[in-house]
Amino acid sequence: MEEVKLHLNEKNHGGFYITDGVEQLGEMVLSISASNLTVYHTEVSPKAEGKGYAKKMLNAMVDHARKNKLKVIPLCPYVHAQFKRHPEEYADVWNNAQEKKED
């Protein structure tokens, strides 16, 4: 069974990692500062692609943001694309101030 876990260092840098119990299958690199959670990069190993692991990490990250009242800055292309495709689903956590400036 795949498991998603959050690991942060003392500076609140780290990420969500998905493993099969033995091997890391994917990671979502992020940092937390003040009331923002910034996502930089999401990657799934080639052998694990197409199994929904990026979405599992996205869901875990959004759950964490909601529980901790954080706003997400999606610098990661995958997360940004998901937020743009489903704005109603992520409106409560999306810090899209930059998006609004560009409109």
PDB file of N, CA and C in Angstrom:
ATOM      1  N   MET A   1       0.849  -1.196   0.000  1.00  0.00           N
ATOM      2  CA  MET A   1       0.000   0.000   0.000  1.00  0.00           C
ATOM      3  C   MET A   1       0.884   1.245   0.000  1.00  0.00           C
ATOM      4  N   GLU A   2       0.581   2.188  -0.880  1.00  0.00           N
ATOM      5  CA  GLU A   2       1.358   3.412  -0.980  1.00  0.00           C
ATOM      6  C   GLU A   2       0.990   4.328   0.181  1.00  0.00           C
ATOM      7  N   GLU A   3       1.991   5.011   0.675  1.00  0.00           N
ATOM      8  CA  GLU A   3       1.786   5.897   1.810  1.00  0.00           C
ATOM      9  C   GLU A   3       2.384   7.263   1.509  1.00  0.00           C
ATOM     10  N   VAL A   4       1.624   8.334   1.807  1.00  0.00           N
ATOM     11  CA  VAL A   4       2.091   9.703   1.603  1.00  0.00           C
ATOM     12  C   VAL A   4       2.445  10.271   2.974  1.00  0.00           C
ATOM     13  N   LYS A   5       3.675  10.777   3.094  1.00  0.00           N
ATOM     14  CA  LYS A   5       4.123  11.358   4.362  1.00  0.00           C
ATOM     15  C   LYS A   5       4.761  12.714   4.115  1.00  0.00           C
ATOM     16  N   LEU A   6       4.608  13.590   5.097  1.00  0.00           N
ATOM     17  CA  LEU A   6       5.225  14.914   5.057  1.00  0.00           C
ATOM     18  C   LEU A   6       6.487  14.887   5.899  1.00  0.00           C
ATOM     19  N   HIS A   7       7.570  15.377   5.329  1.00  0.00           N
ATOM     20  CA  HIS A   7       8.834  15.517   6.051  1.00  0.00           C
ATOM     21  C   HIS A   7       9.310  16.953   5.876  1.00  0.00           C
ATOM     22  N   LEU A   8       9.523  17.654   6.987  1.00  0.00           N
ATOM     23  CA  LEU A   8      10.026  19.029   6.963  1.00  0.00           C
ATOM     24  C   LEU A   8      11.262  19.120   7.834  1.00  0.00           C
ATOM     25  N   ASN A   9      12.224  19.967   7.423  1.00  0.00           N
ATOM     26  CA  ASN A   9      13.382  20.199   8.277  1.00  0.00           C
ATOM     27  C   ASN A   9      13.076  21.346   9.236  1.00  0.00           C
ATOM     28  N   GLU A  10      14.070  21.766  10.001  1.00  0.00           N
ATOM     29  CA  GLU A  10      13.861  22.806  11.012  1.00  0.00           C
ATOM     30  C   GLU A  10      13.493  24.161  10.402  1.00  0.00           C
ATOM     31  N   LYS A  11      13.754  24.348   9.114  1.00  0.00           N
ATOM     32  CA  LYS A  11      13.399  25.600   8.429  1.00  0.00           C
ATOM     33  C   LYS A  11      12.071  25.483   7.676  1.00  0.00           C
ATOM     34  N   ASN A  12      11.333  24.398   7.901  1.00  0.00           N
ATOM     35  CA  ASN A  12      10.051  24.132   7.233  1.00  0.00           C
ATOM     36  C   ASN A  12      10.199  23.961   5.719  1.00  0.00           C
ATOM     37  N   HIS A  13      11.322  23.379   5.303  1.00  0.00           N
ATOM     38  CA  HIS A  13      11.536  23.016   3.909  1.00  0.00           C
ATOM     39  C   HIS A  13      11.505  21.496   3.835  1.00  0.00           C
ATOM     40  N   GLY A  14      10.930  20.963   2.786  1.00  0.00           N
ATOM     41  CA  GLY A  14      10.867  19.515   2.629  1.00  0.00           C
ATOM     42  C   GLY A  14       9.828  19.151   1.614  1.00  0.00           C
ATOM     43  N   GLY A  15       8.931  18.235   1.992  1.00  0.00           N
ATOM     44  CA  GLY A  15       7.910  17.868   1.040  1.00  0.00           C
ATOM     45  C   GLY A  15       7.081  16.675   1.452  1.00  0.00           C
ATOM     46  N   PHE A  16       6.160  16.356   0.568  1.00  0.00           N
ATOM     47  CA  PHE A  16       5.364  15.148   0.701  1.00  0.00           C
ATOM     48  C   PHE A  16       6.042  14.087  -0.150  1.00  0.00           C
ATOM     49  N   TYR A  17       6.134  12.898   0.410  1.00  0.00           N
ATOM     50  CA  TYR A  17       6.785  11.791  -0.281  1.00  0.00           C
ATOM     51  C   TYR A  17       5.835  10.616  -0.282  1.00  0.00           C
ATOM     52  N   ILE A  18       5.784   9.901  -1.405  1.00  0.00           N
ATOM     53  CA  ILE A  18       4.966   8.703  -1.497  1.00  0.00           C
ATOM     54  C   ILE A  18       5.891   7.517  -1.694  1.00  0.00           C
ATOM     55  N   THR A  19       5.674   6.481  -0.875  1.00  0.00           N
ATOM     56  CA  THR A  19       6.500   5.283  -0.947  1.00  0.00           C
ATOM     57  C   THR A  19       5.595   4.056  -1.009  1.00  0.00           C
ATOM     58  N   ASP A  20       6.197   2.961  -1.404  1.00  0.00           N
ATOM     59  CA  ASP A  20       5.469   1.690  -1.394  1.00  0.00           C
ATOM     60  C   ASP A  20       5.867   0.873  -0.170  1.00  0.00           C
ATOM     61  N   GLY A  21       6.458   1.549   0.810  1.00  0.00           N
ATOM     62  CA  GLY A  21       6.937   0.876   2.004  1.00  0.00           C
ATOM     63  C   GLY A  21       8.433   0.641   1.967  1.00  0.00           C
ATOM     64  N   VAL A  22       8.986   0.565   0.766  1.00  0.00           N
ATOM     65  CA  VAL A  22      10.410   0.313   0.598  1.00  0.00           C
ATOM     66  C   VAL A  22      11.067   1.439  -0.194  1.00  0.00           C
ATOM     67  N   GLU A  23      10.456   1.758  -1.320  1.00  0.00           N
ATOM     68  CA  GLU A  23      11.049   2.683  -2.283  1.00  0.00           C
ATOM     69  C   GLU A  23      10.220   3.956  -2.405  1.00  0.00           C
ATOM     70  N   GLN A  24      10.921   5.086  -2.570  1.00  0.00           N
ATOM     71  CA  GLN A  24      10.223   6.351  -2.823  1.00  0.00           C
ATOM     72  C   GLN A  24       9.740   6.353  -4.271  1.00  0.00           C
ATOM     73  N   LEU A  25       8.437   6.639  -4.445  1.00  0.00           N
ATOM     74  CA  LEU A  25       7.840   6.640  -5.776  1.00  0.00           C
ATOM     75  C   LEU A  25       7.601   8.042  -6.310  1.00  0.00           C
ATOM     76  N   GLY A  26       7.541   9.029  -5.402  1.00  0.00           N
ATOM     77  CA  GLY A  26       7.299  10.396  -5.834  1.00  0.00           C
ATOM     78  C   GLY A  26       7.552  11.381  -4.723  1.00  0.00           C
ATOM     79  N   GLU A  27       7.680  12.657  -5.123  1.00  0.00           N
ATOM     80  CA  GLU A  27       7.880  13.717  -4.136  1.00  0.00           C
ATOM     81  C   GLU A  27       7.246  15.004  -4.618  1.00  0.00           C
ATOM     82  N   MET A  28       6.819  15.805  -3.648  1.00  0.00           N
ATOM     83  CA  MET A  28       6.291  17.138  -3.892  1.00  0.00           C
ATOM     84  C   MET A  28       7.098  18.071  -2.986  1.00  0.00           C
ATOM     85  N   VAL A  29       7.970  18.869  -3.590  1.00  0.00           N
ATOM     86  CA  VAL A  29       8.886  19.731  -2.843  1.00  0.00           C
ATOM     87  C   VAL A  29       8.186  21.029  -2.481  1.00  0.00           C
ATOM     88  N   LEU A  30       8.314  21.428  -1.198  1.00  0.00           N
ATOM     89  CA  LEU A  30       7.611  22.623  -0.737  1.00  0.00           C
ATOM     90  C   LEU A  30       8.336  23.281   0.425  1.00  0.00           C
ATOM     91  N   SER A  31       7.862  24.459   0.772  1.00  0.00           N
ATOM     92  CA  SER A  31       8.315  25.143   1.979  1.00  0.00           C
ATOM     93  C   SER A  31       7.112  25.841   2.596  1.00  0.00           C
ATOM     94  N   ILE A  32       7.193  26.039   3.904  1.00  0.00           N
ATOM     95  CA  ILE A  32       6.122  26.716   4.625  1.00  0.00           C
ATOM     96  C   ILE A  32       6.730  27.907   5.341  1.00  0.00           C
ATOM     97  N   SER A  33       6.111  29.083   5.150  1.00  0.00           N
ATOM     98  CA  SER A  33       6.546  30.277   5.861  1.00  0.00           C
ATOM     99  C   SER A  33       5.322  31.124   6.168  1.00  0.00           C
ATOM    100  N   ALA A  34       5.249  31.607   7.392  1.00  0.00           N
ATOM    101  CA  ALA A  34       4.100  32.400   7.845  1.00  0.00           C
ATOM    102  C   ALA A  34       2.812  31.641   7.537  1.00  0.00           C
ATOM    103  N   SER A  35       1.958  32.220   6.693  1.00  0.00           N
ATOM    104  CA  SER A  35       0.678  31.569   6.401  1.00  0.00           C
ATOM    105  C   SER A  35       0.637  30.984   4.992  1.00  0.00           C
ATOM    106  N   ASN A  36       1.801  30.833   4.359  1.00  0.00           N
ATOM    107  CA  ASN A  36       1.860  30.301   2.995  1.00  0.00           C
ATOM    108  C   ASN A  36       2.607  28.978   2.920  1.00  0.00           C
ATOM    109  N   LEU A  37       2.107  28.120   2.046  1.00  0.00           N
ATOM    110  CA  LEU A  37       2.778  26.871   1.700  1.00  0.00           C
ATOM    111  C   LEU A  37       3.105  26.996   0.213  1.00  0.00           C
ATOM    112  N   THR A  38       4.377  27.019  -0.128  1.00  0.00           N
ATOM    113  CA  THR A  38       4.808  27.172  -1.520  1.00  0.00           C
ATOM    114  C   THR A  38       5.223  25.813  -2.060  1.00  0.00           C
ATOM    115  N   VAL A  39       4.609  25.401  -3.173  1.00  0.00           N
ATOM    116  CA  VAL A  39       4.950  24.132  -3.823  1.00  0.00           C
ATOM    117  C   VAL A  39       5.829  24.451  -5.021  1.00  0.00           C
ATOM    118  N   TYR A  40       7.021  23.827  -5.056  1.00  0.00           N
ATOM    119  CA  TYR A  40       7.984  24.121  -6.104  1.00  0.00           C
ATOM    120  C   TYR A  40       8.009  23.083  -7.224  1.00  0.00           C
ATOM    121  N   HIS A  41       7.822  21.813  -6.863  1.00  0.00           N
ATOM    122  CA  HIS A  41       8.072  20.753  -7.841  1.00  0.00           C
ATOM    123  C   HIS A  41       7.351  19.481  -7.416  1.00  0.00           C
ATOM    124  N   THR A  42       6.774  18.782  -8.381  1.00  0.00           N
ATOM    125  CA  THR A  42       6.175  17.470  -8.140  1.00  0.00           C
ATOM    126  C   THR A  42       6.777  16.507  -9.148  1.00  0.00           C
ATOM    127  N   GLU A  43       7.193  15.351  -8.655  1.00  0.00           N
ATOM    128  CA  GLU A  43       7.803  14.370  -9.542  1.00  0.00           C
ATOM    129  C   GLU A  43       7.414  12.966  -9.093  1.00  0.00           C
ATOM    130  N   VAL A  44       7.111  12.111 -10.068  1.00  0.00           N
ATOM    131  CA  VAL A  44       6.828  10.703  -9.819  1.00  0.00           C
ATOM    132  C   VAL A  44       7.837   9.906 -10.634  1.00  0.00           C
ATOM    133  N   SER A  45       8.392   8.852 -10.040  1.00  0.00           N
ATOM    134  CA  SER A  45       9.390   8.050 -10.752  1.00  0.00           C
ATOM    135  C   SER A  45       8.762   7.446 -12.010  1.00  0.00           C
ATOM    136  N   PRO A  46       9.550   7.302 -13.072  1.00  0.00           N
ATOM    137  CA  PRO A  46       9.008   6.794 -14.341  1.00  0.00           C
ATOM    138  C   PRO A  46       8.241   5.481 -14.198  1.00  0.00           C
ATOM    139  N   LYS A  47       8.715   4.586 -13.357  1.00  0.00           N
ATOM    140  CA  LYS A  47       8.026   3.293 -13.228  1.00  0.00           C
ATOM    141  C   LYS A  47       6.685   3.402 -12.489  1.00  0.00           C
ATOM    142  N   ALA A  48       6.454   4.545 -11.817  1.00  0.00           N
ATOM    143  CA  ALA A  48       5.222   4.716 -11.043  1.00  0.00           C
ATOM    144  C   ALA A  48       4.247   5.685 -11.710  1.00  0.00           C
ATOM    145  N   GLU A  49       4.586   6.166 -12.888  1.00  0.00           N
ATOM    146  CA  GLU A  49       3.717   7.133 -13.572  1.00  0.00           C
ATOM    147  C   GLU A  49       2.387   6.505 -13.964  1.00  0.00           C
ATOM    148  N   GLY A  50       1.347   7.346 -14.002  1.00  0.00           N
ATOM    149  CA  GLY A  50       0.038   6.898 -14.453  1.00  0.00           C
ATOM    150  C   GLY A  50      -0.782   6.171 -13.403  1.00  0.00           C
ATOM    151  N   LYS A  51      -0.336   6.198 -12.156  1.00  0.00           N
ATOM    152  CA  LYS A  51      -1.051   5.485 -11.091  1.00  0.00           C
ATOM    153  C   LYS A  51      -1.736   6.428 -10.112  1.00  0.00           C
ATOM    154  N   GLY A  52      -1.736   7.732 -10.432  1.00  0.00           N
ATOM    155  CA  GLY A  52      -2.428   8.697  -9.587  1.00  0.00           C
ATOM    156  C   GLY A  52      -1.645   9.164  -8.376  1.00  0.00           C
ATOM    157  N   TYR A  53      -0.345   8.910  -8.350  1.00  0.00           N
ATOM    158  CA  TYR A  53       0.455   9.280  -7.174  1.00  0.00           C
ATOM    159  C   TYR A  53       0.606  10.788  -7.018  1.00  0.00           C
ATOM    160  N   ALA A  54       0.730  11.519  -8.117  1.00  0.00           N
ATOM    161  CA  ALA A  54       0.830  12.980  -8.021  1.00  0.00           C
ATOM    162  C   ALA A  54      -0.452  13.538  -7.407  1.00  0.00           C
ATOM    163  N   LYS A  55      -1.588  13.004  -7.794  1.00  0.00           N
ATOM    164  CA  LYS A  55      -2.877  13.449  -7.257  1.00  0.00           C
ATOM    165  C   LYS A  55      -2.982  13.120  -5.760  1.00  0.00           C
ATOM    166  N   LYS A  56      -2.457  11.959  -5.352  1.00  0.00           N
ATOM    167  CA  LYS A  56      -2.467  11.599  -3.928  1.00  0.00           C
ATOM    168  C   LYS A  56      -1.642  12.592  -3.116  1.00  0.00           C
ATOM    169  N   MET A  57      -0.488  12.985  -3.649  1.00  0.00           N
ATOM    170  CA  MET A  57       0.349  13.963  -2.943  1.00  0.00           C
ATOM    171  C   MET A  57      -0.337  15.323  -2.941  1.00  0.00           C
ATOM    172  N   LEU A  58      -0.978  15.694  -4.052  1.00  0.00           N
ATOM    173  CA  LEU A  58      -1.720  16.950  -4.122  1.00  0.00           C
ATOM    174  C   LEU A  58      -2.817  16.973  -3.055  1.00  0.00           C
ATOM    175  N   ASN A  59      -3.571  15.890  -2.934  1.00  0.00           N
ATOM    176  CA  ASN A  59      -4.633  15.822  -1.940  1.00  0.00           C
ATOM    177  C   ASN A  59      -4.084  15.932  -0.516  1.00  0.00           C
ATOM    178  N   ALA A  60      -2.965  15.270  -0.248  1.00  0.00           N
ATOM    179  CA  ALA A  60      -2.351  15.332   1.077  1.00  0.00           C
ATOM    180  C   ALA A  60      -1.882  16.757   1.386  1.00  0.00           C
ATOM    181  N   MET A  61      -1.292  17.422   0.388  1.00  0.00           N
ATOM    182  CA  MET A  61      -0.811  18.793   0.568  1.00  0.00           C
ATOM    183  C   MET A  61      -1.983  19.740   0.835  1.00  0.00           C
ATOM    184  N   VAL A  62      -3.063  19.608   0.074  1.00  0.00           N
ATOM    185  CA  VAL A  62      -4.231  20.475   0.250  1.00  0.00           C
ATOM    186  C   VAL A  62      -4.871  20.217   1.618  1.00  0.00           C
ATOM    187  N   ASP A  63      -4.959  18.952   2.025  1.00  0.00           N
ATOM    188  CA  ASP A  63      -5.494  18.630   3.361  1.00  0.00           C
ATOM    189  C   ASP A  63      -4.656  19.287   4.449  1.00  0.00           C
ATOM    190  N   HIS A  64      -3.336  19.215   4.294  1.00  0.00           N
ATOM    191  CA  HIS A  64      -2.434  19.833   5.276  1.00  0.00           C
ATOM    192  C   HIS A  64      -2.636  21.345   5.311  1.00  0.00           C
ATOM    193  N   ALA A  65      -2.747  21.959   4.139  1.00  0.00           N
ATOM    194  CA  ALA A  65      -2.959  23.411   4.067  1.00  0.00           C
ATOM    195  C   ALA A  65      -4.260  23.793   4.761  1.00  0.00           C
ATOM    196  N   ARG A  66      -5.310  23.053   4.514  1.00  0.00           N
ATOM    197  CA  ARG A  66      -6.605  23.353   5.138  1.00  0.00           C
ATOM    198  C   ARG A  66      -6.548  23.203   6.655  1.00  0.00           C
ATOM    199  N   LYS A  67      -5.959  22.114   7.120  1.00  0.00           N
ATOM    200  CA  LYS A  67      -5.894  21.861   8.570  1.00  0.00           C
ATOM    201  C   LYS A  67      -5.073  22.919   9.293  1.00  0.00           C
ATOM    202  N   ASN A  68      -4.073  23.475   8.596  1.00  0.00           N
ATOM    203  CA  ASN A  68      -3.165  24.439   9.218  1.00  0.00           C
ATOM    204  C   ASN A  68      -3.429  25.874   8.778  1.00  0.00           C
ATOM    205  N   LYS A  69      -4.567  26.091   8.098  1.00  0.00           N
ATOM    206  CA  LYS A  69      -4.984  27.421   7.642  1.00  0.00           C
ATOM    207  C   LYS A  69      -3.891  28.124   6.838  1.00  0.00           C
ATOM    208  N   LEU A  70      -3.320  27.381   5.883  1.00  0.00           N
ATOM    209  CA  LEU A  70      -2.270  27.909   5.018  1.00  0.00           C
ATOM    210  C   LEU A  70      -2.838  28.185   3.629  1.00  0.00           C
ATOM    211  N   LYS A  71      -2.252  29.166   2.964  1.00  0.00           N
ATOM    212  CA  LYS A  71      -2.584  29.449   1.570  1.00  0.00           C
ATOM    213  C   LYS A  71      -1.469  28.873   0.699  1.00  0.00           C
ATOM    214  N   VAL A  72      -1.843  28.254  -0.398  1.00  0.00           N
ATOM    215  CA  VAL A  72      -0.887  27.580  -1.283  1.00  0.00           C
ATOM    216  C   VAL A  72      -0.467  28.499  -2.422  1.00  0.00           C
ATOM    217  N   ILE A  73       0.839  28.611  -2.614  1.00  0.00           N
ATOM    218  CA  ILE A  73       1.407  29.314  -3.764  1.00  0.00           C
ATOM    219  C   ILE A  73       1.924  28.216  -4.702  1.00  0.00           C
ATOM    220  N   PRO A  74       1.208  27.944  -5.790  1.00  0.00           N
ATOM    221  CA  PRO A  74       1.554  26.817  -6.660  1.00  0.00           C
ATOM    222  C   PRO A  74       2.572  27.173  -7.743  1.00  0.00           C
ATOM    223  N   LEU A  75       3.857  27.198  -7.399  1.00  0.00           N
ATOM    224  CA  LEU A  75       4.892  27.457  -8.401  1.00  0.00           C
ATOM    225  C   LEU A  75       5.154  26.217  -9.254  1.00  0.00           C
ATOM    226  N   CYS A  76       4.798  25.070  -8.741  1.00  0.00           N
ATOM    227  CA  CYS A  76       4.927  23.810  -9.473  1.00  0.00           C
ATOM    228  C   CYS A  76       3.930  23.781 -10.624  1.00  0.00           C
ATOM    229  N   PRO A  77       4.377  23.495 -11.860  1.00  0.00           N
ATOM    230  CA  PRO A  77       3.457  23.480 -12.998  1.00  0.00           C
ATOM    231  C   PRO A  77       2.285  22.517 -12.824  1.00  0.00           C
ATOM    232  N   TYR A  78       2.519  21.353 -12.232  1.00  0.00           N
ATOM    233  CA  TYR A  78       1.434  20.383 -12.038  1.00  0.00           C
ATOM    234  C   TYR A  78       0.379  20.932 -11.082  1.00  0.00           C
ATOM    235  N   VAL A  79       0.806  21.427  -9.939  1.00  0.00           N
ATOM    236  CA  VAL A  79      -0.141  21.944  -8.949  1.00  0.00           C
ATOM    237  C   VAL A  79      -0.869  23.161  -9.512  1.00  0.00           C
ATOM    238  N   HIS A  80      -0.145  24.046 -10.184  1.00  0.00           N
ATOM    239  CA  HIS A  80      -0.754  25.234 -10.771  1.00  0.00           C
ATOM    240  C   HIS A  80      -1.831  24.836 -11.787  1.00  0.00           C
ATOM    241  N   ALA A  81      -1.525  23.848 -12.621  1.00  0.00           N
ATOM    242  CA  ALA A  81      -2.493  23.391 -13.628  1.00  0.00           C
ATOM    243  C   ALA A  81      -3.740  22.816 -12.960  1.00  0.00           C
ATOM    244  N   GLN A  82      -3.569  22.049 -11.893  1.00  0.00           N
ATOM    245  CA  GLN A  82      -4.723  21.483 -11.193  1.00  0.00           C
ATOM    246  C   GLN A  82      -5.575  22.582 -10.566  1.00  0.00           C
ATOM    247  N   PHE A  83      -4.930  23.578  -9.970  1.00  0.00           N
ATOM    248  CA  PHE A  83      -5.660  24.691  -9.356  1.00  0.00           C
ATOM    249  C   PHE A  83      -6.441  25.471 -10.420  1.00  0.00           C
ATOM    250  N   LYS A  84      -5.834  25.684 -11.588  1.00  0.00           N
ATOM    251  CA  LYS A  84      -6.518  26.425 -12.661  1.00  0.00           C
ATOM    252  C   LYS A  84      -7.672  25.620 -13.261  1.00  0.00           C
ATOM    253  N   ARG A  85      -7.508  24.296 -13.363  1.00  0.00           N
ATOM    254  CA  ARG A  85      -8.557  23.435 -13.925  1.00  0.00           C
ATOM    255  C   ARG A  85      -9.750  23.292 -12.991  1.00  0.00           C
ATOM    256  N   HIS A  86      -9.484  23.346 -11.685  1.00  0.00           N
ATOM    257  CA  HIS A  86     -10.541  23.111 -10.683  1.00  0.00           C
ATOM    258  C   HIS A  86     -10.541  24.222  -9.637  1.00  0.00           C
ATOM    259  N   PRO A  87     -10.732  25.469 -10.066  1.00  0.00           N
ATOM    260  CA  PRO A  87     -10.614  26.590  -9.119  1.00  0.00           C
ATOM    261  C   PRO A  87     -11.593  26.501  -7.949  1.00  0.00           C
ATOM    262  N   GLU A  88     -12.789  25.969  -8.186  1.00  0.00           N
ATOM    263  CA  GLU A  88     -13.771  25.879  -7.106  1.00  0.00           C
ATOM    264  C   GLU A  88     -13.328  24.888  -6.028  1.00  0.00           C
ATOM    265  N   GLU A  89     -12.599  23.859  -6.419  1.00  0.00           N
ATOM    266  CA  GLU A  89     -12.143  22.840  -5.474  1.00  0.00           C
ATOM    267  C   GLU A  89     -11.033  23.366  -4.564  1.00  0.00           C
ATOM    268  N   TYR A  90     -10.237  24.312  -5.073  1.00  0.00           N
ATOM    269  CA  TYR A  90      -9.059  24.780  -4.339  1.00  0.00           C
ATOM    270  C   TYR A  90      -9.144  26.249  -3.931  1.00  0.00           C
ATOM    271  N   ALA A  91     -10.274  26.891  -4.156  1.00  0.00           N
ATOM    272  CA  ALA A  91     -10.413  28.330  -3.893  1.00  0.00           C
ATOM    273  C   ALA A  91     -10.053  28.711  -2.459  1.00  0.00           C
ATOM    274  N   ASP A  92     -10.389  27.852  -1.512  1.00  0.00           N
ATOM    275  CA  ASP A  92     -10.142  28.178  -0.100  1.00  0.00           C
ATOM    276  C   ASP A  92      -8.668  28.155   0.289  1.00  0.00           C
ATOM    277  N   VAL A  93      -7.839  27.469  -0.488  1.00  0.00           N
ATOM    278  CA  VAL A  93      -6.408  27.387  -0.142  1.00  0.00           C
ATOM    279  C   VAL A  93      -5.495  28.065  -1.153  1.00  0.00           C
ATOM    280  N   TRP A  94      -6.024  28.459  -2.305  1.00  0.00           N
ATOM    281  CA  TRP A  94      -5.190  29.019  -3.379  1.00  0.00           C
ATOM    282  C   TRP A  94      -4.871  30.477  -3.115  1.00  0.00           C
ATOM    283  N   ASN A  95      -3.590  30.772  -2.920  1.00  0.00           N
ATOM    284  CA  ASN A  95      -3.113  32.151  -2.818  1.00  0.00           C
ATOM    285  C   ASN A  95      -2.828  32.579  -4.252  1.00  0.00           C
ATOM    286  N   ASN A  96      -3.861  33.114  -4.912  1.00  0.00           N
ATOM    287  CA  ASN A  96      -3.714  33.465  -6.320  1.00  0.00           C
ATOM    288  C   ASN A  96      -3.637  34.971  -6.532  1.00  0.00           C
ATOM    289  N   ALA A  97      -3.040  35.662  -5.581  1.00  0.00           N
ATOM    290  CA  ALA A  97      -2.882  37.119  -5.712  1.00  0.00           C
ATOM    291  C   ALA A  97      -2.106  37.472  -6.980  1.00  0.00           C
ATOM    292  N   GLN A  98      -1.085  36.674  -7.300  1.00  0.00           N
ATOM    293  CA  GLN A  98      -0.290  36.927  -8.499  1.00  0.00           C
ATOM    294  C   GLN A  98      -1.138  36.733  -9.750  1.00  0.00           C
ATOM    295  N   GLU A  99      -1.991  35.723  -9.737  1.00  0.00           N
ATOM    296  CA  GLU A  99      -2.882  35.461 -10.889  1.00  0.00           C
ATOM    297  C   GLU A  99      -3.769  36.688 -11.145  1.00  0.00           C
ATOM    298  N   LYS A 100      -4.321  37.239 -10.088  1.00  0.00           N
ATOM    299  CA  LYS A 100      -5.242  38.367 -10.224  1.00  0.00           C
ATOM    300  C   LYS A 100      -4.530  39.597 -10.771  1.00  0.00           C
ATOM    301  N   LYS A 101      -3.243  39.774 -10.412  1.00  0.00           N
ATOM    302  CA  LYS A 101      -2.484  40.923 -10.909  1.00  0.00           C
ATOM    303  C   LYS A 101      -2.306  40.834 -12.421  1.00  0.00           C
ATOM    304  N   GLU A 102      -2.168  39.604 -12.922  1.00  0.00           N
ATOM    305  CA  GLU A 102      -1.906  39.400 -14.351  1.00  0.00           C
ATOM    306  C   GLU A 102      -3.169  39.529 -15.184  1.00  0.00           C
ATOM    307  N   ASP A 103      -4.338  39.429 -14.591  1.00  0.00           N
ATOM    308  CA  ASP A 103      -5.605  39.519 -15.335  1.00  0.00           C
ATOM    309  C   ASP A 103      -5.871  40.906 -15.840  1.00  0.00           C
TER     310      ASP A 103
END
